[in-house]
Amino acid sequence: MREVAVADAVGMVLCHDITRIVPGEFKGPAFRKGHVVTQNDIHDLLRVGKEHIYVLEPMPG
């Protein structure tokens, strides 16, 4: 597991859930563990306050 900037995370796998909270409307997962980050996700991650996220590192071999 390592921390990376959201802008550099495209193609990487999240190692934890990320919660989105909209007071009075919604509280739940914006992204689930195992999600592969896409270019389209960058805006949403920044909007929920994430500038850096933790991603899984590939296992050697």
PDB file of N, CA and C in Angstrom:
ATOM      1  N   MET A   1       0.854  -1.160   0.000  1.00  0.00           N
ATOM      2  CA  MET A   1       0.000   0.000   0.000  1.00  0.00           C
ATOM      3  C   MET A   1       0.906   1.232   0.000  1.00  0.00           C
ATOM      4  N   ARG A   2       0.494   2.220  -0.817  1.00  0.00           N
ATOM      5  CA  ARG A   2       1.254   3.472  -0.821  1.00  0.00           C
ATOM      6  C   ARG A   2       0.329   4.645  -1.105  1.00  0.00           C
ATOM      7  N   GLU A   3       0.752   5.812  -0.660  1.00  0.00           N
ATOM      8  CA  GLU A   3      -0.015   7.030  -0.860  1.00  0.00           C
ATOM      9  C   GLU A   3       0.412   7.680  -2.173  1.00  0.00           C
ATOM     10  N   VAL A   4      -0.569   8.092  -2.975  1.00  0.00           N
ATOM     11  CA  VAL A   4      -0.286   8.782  -4.230  1.00  0.00           C
ATOM     12  C   VAL A   4      -1.236   9.962  -4.374  1.00  0.00           C
ATOM     13  N   ALA A   5      -0.816  10.941  -5.156  1.00  0.00           N
ATOM     14  CA  ALA A   5      -1.692  12.068  -5.478  1.00  0.00           C
ATOM     15  C   ALA A   5      -2.830  11.558  -6.353  1.00  0.00           C
ATOM     16  N   VAL A   6      -4.019  12.096  -6.131  1.00  0.00           N
ATOM     17  CA  VAL A   6      -5.196  11.670  -6.899  1.00  0.00           C
ATOM     18  C   VAL A   6      -4.932  11.780  -8.400  1.00  0.00           C
ATOM     19  N   ALA A   7      -4.299  12.855  -8.827  1.00  0.00           N
ATOM     20  CA  ALA A   7      -4.045  13.062 -10.254  1.00  0.00           C
ATOM     21  C   ALA A   7      -3.136  11.983 -10.848  1.00  0.00           C
ATOM     22  N   ASP A   8      -2.337  11.330  -9.999  1.00  0.00           N
ATOM     23  CA  ASP A   8      -1.412  10.293 -10.467  1.00  0.00           C
ATOM     24  C   ASP A   8      -1.961   8.879 -10.285  1.00  0.00           C
ATOM     25  N   ALA A   9      -3.201   8.747  -9.804  1.00  0.00           N
ATOM     26  CA  ALA A   9      -3.743   7.441  -9.426  1.00  0.00           C
ATOM     27  C   ALA A   9      -4.496   6.712 -10.533  1.00  0.00           C
ATOM     28  N   VAL A  10      -4.595   7.284 -11.712  1.00  0.00           N
ATOM     29  CA  VAL A  10      -5.342   6.640 -12.800  1.00  0.00           C
ATOM     30  C   VAL A  10      -4.732   5.267 -13.099  1.00  0.00           C
ATOM     31  N   GLY A  11      -5.593   4.255 -13.121  1.00  0.00           N
ATOM     32  CA  GLY A  11      -5.158   2.891 -13.391  1.00  0.00           C
ATOM     33  C   GLY A  11      -4.763   2.107 -12.155  1.00  0.00           C
ATOM     34  N   MET A  12      -4.733   2.771 -10.992  1.00  0.00           N
ATOM     35  CA  MET A  12      -4.352   2.101  -9.748  1.00  0.00           C
ATOM     36  C   MET A  12      -5.592   1.633  -8.993  1.00  0.00           C
ATOM     37  N   VAL A  13      -5.392   0.707  -8.057  1.00  0.00           N
ATOM     38  CA  VAL A  13      -6.490   0.071  -7.326  1.00  0.00           C
ATOM     39  C   VAL A  13      -6.572   0.629  -5.905  1.00  0.00           C
ATOM     40  N   LEU A  14      -7.769   1.108  -5.526  1.00  0.00           N
ATOM     41  CA  LEU A  14      -7.977   1.617  -4.168  1.00  0.00           C
ATOM     42  C   LEU A  14      -7.850   0.490  -3.156  1.00  0.00           C
ATOM     43  N   CYS A  15      -7.208   0.774  -2.022  1.00  0.00           N
ATOM     44  CA  CYS A  15      -7.083  -0.261  -0.994  1.00  0.00           C
ATOM     45  C   CYS A  15      -8.054  -0.033   0.161  1.00  0.00           C
ATOM     46  N   HIS A  16      -9.008   0.889   0.006  1.00  0.00           N
ATOM     47  CA  HIS A  16     -10.021   1.140   1.034  1.00  0.00           C
ATOM     48  C   HIS A  16     -11.222   1.829   0.402  1.00  0.00           C
ATOM     49  N   ASP A  17     -12.358   1.794   1.101  1.00  0.00           N
ATOM     50  CA  ASP A  17     -13.539   2.532   0.652  1.00  0.00           C
ATOM     51  C   ASP A  17     -13.317   4.025   0.863  1.00  0.00           C
ATOM     52  N   ILE A  18     -13.953   4.837   0.044  1.00  0.00           N
ATOM     53  CA  ILE A  18     -13.966   6.291   0.219  1.00  0.00           C
ATOM     54  C   ILE A  18     -15.425   6.708   0.338  1.00  0.00           C
ATOM     55  N   THR A  19     -15.744   7.394   1.441  1.00  0.00           N
ATOM     56  CA  THR A  19     -17.122   7.779   1.741  1.00  0.00           C
ATOM     57  C   THR A  19     -17.437   9.167   1.212  1.00  0.00           C
ATOM     58  N   ARG A  20     -18.660   9.303   0.720  1.00  0.00           N
ATOM     59  CA  ARG A  20     -19.176  10.610   0.284  1.00  0.00           C
ATOM     60  C   ARG A  20     -20.332  10.972   1.211  1.00  0.00           C
ATOM     61  N   ILE A  21     -20.319  12.208   1.734  1.00  0.00           N
ATOM     62  CA  ILE A  21     -21.386  12.671   2.616  1.00  0.00           C
ATOM     63  C   ILE A  21     -21.957  13.962   2.058  1.00  0.00           C
ATOM     64  N   VAL A  22     -23.267  13.967   1.835  1.00  0.00           N
ATOM     65  CA  VAL A  22     -24.006  15.166   1.451  1.00  0.00           C
ATOM     66  C   VAL A  22     -25.049  15.348   2.551  1.00  0.00           C
ATOM     67  N   PRO A  23     -24.826  16.307   3.475  1.00  0.00           N
ATOM     68  CA  PRO A  23     -25.712  16.448   4.627  1.00  0.00           C
ATOM     69  C   PRO A  23     -27.195  16.492   4.235  1.00  0.00           C
ATOM     70  N   GLY A  24     -27.966  15.639   4.906  1.00  0.00           N
ATOM     71  CA  GLY A  24     -29.398  15.575   4.674  1.00  0.00           C
ATOM     72  C   GLY A  24     -29.825  14.827   3.424  1.00  0.00           C
ATOM     73  N   GLU A  25     -28.853  14.358   2.624  1.00  0.00           N
ATOM     74  CA  GLU A  25     -29.192  13.691   1.370  1.00  0.00           C
ATOM     75  C   GLU A  25     -28.584  12.302   1.225  1.00  0.00           C
ATOM     76  N   PHE A  26     -27.281  12.185   1.473  1.00  0.00           N
ATOM     77  CA  PHE A  26     -26.592  10.935   1.165  1.00  0.00           C
ATOM     78  C   PHE A  26     -25.381  10.754   2.070  1.00  0.00           C
ATOM     79  N   LYS A  27     -25.191   9.521   2.530  1.00  0.00           N
ATOM     80  CA  LYS A  27     -23.962   9.131   3.214  1.00  0.00           C
ATOM     81  C   LYS A  27     -23.703   7.688   2.830  1.00  0.00           C
ATOM     82  N   GLY A  28     -22.615   7.468   2.130  1.00  0.00           N
ATOM     83  CA  GLY A  28     -22.294   6.117   1.696  1.00  0.00           C
ATOM     84  C   GLY A  28     -21.027   6.105   0.872  1.00  0.00           C
ATOM     85  N   PRO A  29     -20.714   4.959   0.324  1.00  0.00           N
ATOM     86  CA  PRO A  29     -19.470   4.843  -0.428  1.00  0.00           C
ATOM     87  C   PRO A  29     -19.518   5.581  -1.768  1.00  0.00           C
ATOM     88  N   ALA A  30     -18.515   6.394  -1.981  1.00  0.00           N
ATOM     89  CA  ALA A  30     -18.339   7.012  -3.296  1.00  0.00           C
ATOM     90  C   ALA A  30     -17.553   6.038  -4.174  1.00  0.00           C
ATOM     91  N   PHE A  31     -16.596   5.352  -3.542  1.00  0.00           N
ATOM     92  CA  PHE A  31     -15.770   4.352  -4.214  1.00  0.00           C
ATOM     93  C   PHE A  31     -15.525   3.216  -3.235  1.00  0.00           C
ATOM     94  N   ARG A  32     -15.488   2.012  -3.735  1.00  0.00           N
ATOM     95  CA  ARG A  32     -15.262   0.829  -2.899  1.00  0.00           C
ATOM     96  C   ARG A  32     -13.827   0.321  -3.049  1.00  0.00           C
ATOM     97  N   LYS A  33     -13.367  -0.360  -2.012  1.00  0.00           N
ATOM     98  CA  LYS A  33     -12.065  -1.022  -2.050  1.00  0.00           C
ATOM     99  C   LYS A  33     -11.993  -1.889  -3.304  1.00  0.00           C
ATOM    100  N   GLY A  34     -10.880  -1.829  -4.013  1.00  0.00           N
ATOM    101  CA  GLY A  34     -10.709  -2.625  -5.227  1.00  0.00           C
ATOM    102  C   GLY A  34     -11.060  -1.886  -6.500  1.00  0.00           C
ATOM    103  N   HIS A  35     -11.645  -0.686  -6.368  1.00  0.00           N
ATOM    104  CA  HIS A  35     -12.015   0.106  -7.550  1.00  0.00           C
ATOM    105  C   HIS A  35     -10.753   0.555  -8.284  1.00  0.00           C
ATOM    106  N   VAL A  36     -10.753   0.430  -9.592  1.00  0.00           N
ATOM    107  CA  VAL A  36      -9.641   0.924 -10.414  1.00  0.00           C
ATOM    108  C   VAL A  36      -9.959   2.369 -10.788  1.00  0.00           C
ATOM    109  N   VAL A  37      -9.092   3.276 -10.389  1.00  0.00           N
ATOM    110  CA  VAL A  37      -9.309   4.707 -10.599  1.00  0.00           C
ATOM    111  C   VAL A  37      -9.195   5.037 -12.085  1.00  0.00           C
ATOM    112  N   THR A  38     -10.176   5.795 -12.590  1.00  0.00           N
ATOM    113  CA  THR A  38     -10.167   6.246 -13.981  1.00  0.00           C
ATOM    114  C   THR A  38     -10.001   7.759 -14.024  1.00  0.00           C
ATOM    115  N   GLN A  39      -9.739   8.274 -15.194  1.00  0.00           N
ATOM    116  CA  GLN A  39      -9.616   9.719 -15.372  1.00  0.00           C
ATOM    117  C   GLN A  39     -10.913  10.413 -14.951  1.00  0.00           C
ATOM    118  N   ASN A  40     -12.049   9.787 -15.217  1.00  0.00           N
ATOM    119  CA  ASN A  40     -13.344  10.368 -14.852  1.00  0.00           C
ATOM    120  C   ASN A  40     -13.546  10.452 -13.343  1.00  0.00           C
ATOM    121  N   ASP A  41     -12.821   9.639 -12.563  1.00  0.00           N
ATOM    122  CA  ASP A  41     -12.960   9.633 -11.102  1.00  0.00           C
ATOM    123  C   ASP A  41     -12.230  10.796 -10.428  1.00  0.00           C
ATOM    124  N   ILE A  42     -11.256  11.377 -11.094  1.00  0.00           N
ATOM    125  CA  ILE A  42     -10.407  12.401 -10.476  1.00  0.00           C
ATOM    126  C   ILE A  42     -11.239  13.548  -9.911  1.00  0.00           C
ATOM    127  N   HIS A  43     -12.156  14.084 -10.686  1.00  0.00           N
ATOM    128  CA  HIS A  43     -12.991  15.205 -10.235  1.00  0.00           C
ATOM    129  C   HIS A  43     -13.789  14.823  -8.988  1.00  0.00           C
ATOM    130  N   ASP A  44     -14.383  13.628  -8.981  1.00  0.00           N
ATOM    131  CA  ASP A  44     -15.186  13.192  -7.835  1.00  0.00           C
ATOM    132  C   ASP A  44     -14.331  12.999  -6.587  1.00  0.00           C
ATOM    133  N   LEU A  45     -13.142  12.455  -6.739  1.00  0.00           N
ATOM    134  CA  LEU A  45     -12.251  12.281  -5.594  1.00  0.00           C
ATOM    135  C   LEU A  45     -11.847  13.632  -5.004  1.00  0.00           C
ATOM    136  N   LEU A  46     -11.529  14.574  -5.861  1.00  0.00           N
ATOM    137  CA  LEU A  46     -11.181  15.912  -5.379  1.00  0.00           C
ATOM    138  C   LEU A  46     -12.380  16.579  -4.712  1.00  0.00           C
ATOM    139  N   ARG A  47     -13.568  16.356  -5.240  1.00  0.00           N
ATOM    140  CA  ARG A  47     -14.784  16.962  -4.699  1.00  0.00           C
ATOM    141  C   ARG A  47     -15.109  16.440  -3.294  1.00  0.00           C
ATOM    142  N   VAL A  48     -14.757  15.191  -2.991  1.00  0.00           N
ATOM    143  CA  VAL A  48     -14.982  14.674  -1.642  1.00  0.00           C
ATOM    144  C   VAL A  48     -13.800  14.966  -0.713  1.00  0.00           C
ATOM    145  N   GLY A  49     -12.870  15.801  -1.177  1.00  0.00           N
ATOM    146  CA  GLY A  49     -11.782  16.268  -0.318  1.00  0.00           C
ATOM    147  C   GLY A  49     -10.516  15.446  -0.346  1.00  0.00           C
ATOM    148  N   LYS A  50     -10.392  14.557  -1.300  1.00  0.00           N
ATOM    149  CA  LYS A  50      -9.194  13.716  -1.382  1.00  0.00           C
ATOM    150  C   LYS A  50      -8.188  14.328  -2.350  1.00  0.00           C
ATOM    151  N   GLU A  51      -7.019  14.656  -1.831  1.00  0.00           N
ATOM    152  CA  GLU A  51      -5.919  15.097  -2.690  1.00  0.00           C
ATOM    153  C   GLU A  51      -4.918  13.963  -2.873  1.00  0.00           C
ATOM    154  N   HIS A  52      -4.879  13.067  -1.886  1.00  0.00           N
ATOM    155  CA  HIS A  52      -4.028  11.877  -1.920  1.00  0.00           C
ATOM    156  C   HIS A  52      -4.879  10.688  -1.495  1.00  0.00           C
ATOM    157  N   ILE A  53      -4.585   9.526  -2.056  1.00  0.00           N
ATOM    158  CA  ILE A  53      -5.301   8.303  -1.688  1.00  0.00           C
ATOM    159  C   ILE A  53      -4.290   7.172  -1.536  1.00  0.00           C
ATOM    160  N   TYR A  54      -4.727   6.097  -0.891  1.00  0.00           N
ATOM    161  CA  TYR A  54      -3.887   4.917  -0.747  1.00  0.00           C
ATOM    162  C   TYR A  54      -4.302   3.883  -1.784  1.00  0.00           C
ATOM    163  N   VAL A  55      -3.310   3.359  -2.481  1.00  0.00           N
ATOM    164  CA  VAL A  55      -3.547   2.366  -3.526  1.00  0.00           C
ATOM    165  C   VAL A  55      -2.720   1.120  -3.235  1.00  0.00           C
ATOM    166  N   LEU A  56      -3.162   0.009  -3.821  1.00  0.00           N
ATOM    167  CA  LEU A  56      -2.429  -1.246  -3.672  1.00  0.00           C
ATOM    168  C   LEU A  56      -1.216  -1.244  -4.586  1.00  0.00           C
ATOM    169  N   GLU A  57      -0.151  -1.832  -4.107  1.00  0.00           N
ATOM    170  CA  GLU A  57       1.039  -1.996  -4.939  1.00  0.00           C
ATOM    171  C   GLU A  57       1.036  -3.413  -5.495  1.00  0.00           C
ATOM    172  N   PRO A  58       1.401  -3.572  -6.755  1.00  0.00           N
ATOM    173  CA  PRO A  58       1.441  -4.923  -7.330  1.00  0.00           C
ATOM    174  C   PRO A  58       2.454  -5.796  -6.588  1.00  0.00           C
ATOM    175  N   MET A  59       2.102  -7.045  -6.411  1.00  0.00           N
ATOM    176  CA  MET A  59       3.012  -7.994  -5.770  1.00  0.00           C
ATOM    177  C   MET A  59       4.055  -8.442  -6.789  1.00  0.00           C
ATOM    178  N   PRO A  60       5.317  -8.534  -6.374  1.00  0.00           N
ATOM    179  CA  PRO A  60       6.344  -8.992  -7.314  1.00  0.00           C
ATOM    180  C   PRO A  60       6.111 -10.452  -7.707  1.00  0.00           C
ATOM    181  N   GLY A  61       6.423 -10.726  -8.971  1.00  0.00           N
ATOM    182  CA  GLY A  61       6.351 -12.109  -9.425  1.00  0.00           C
ATOM    183  C   GLY A  61       5.149 -12.433 -10.089  1.00  0.00           C
TER     184      GLY A  61
END
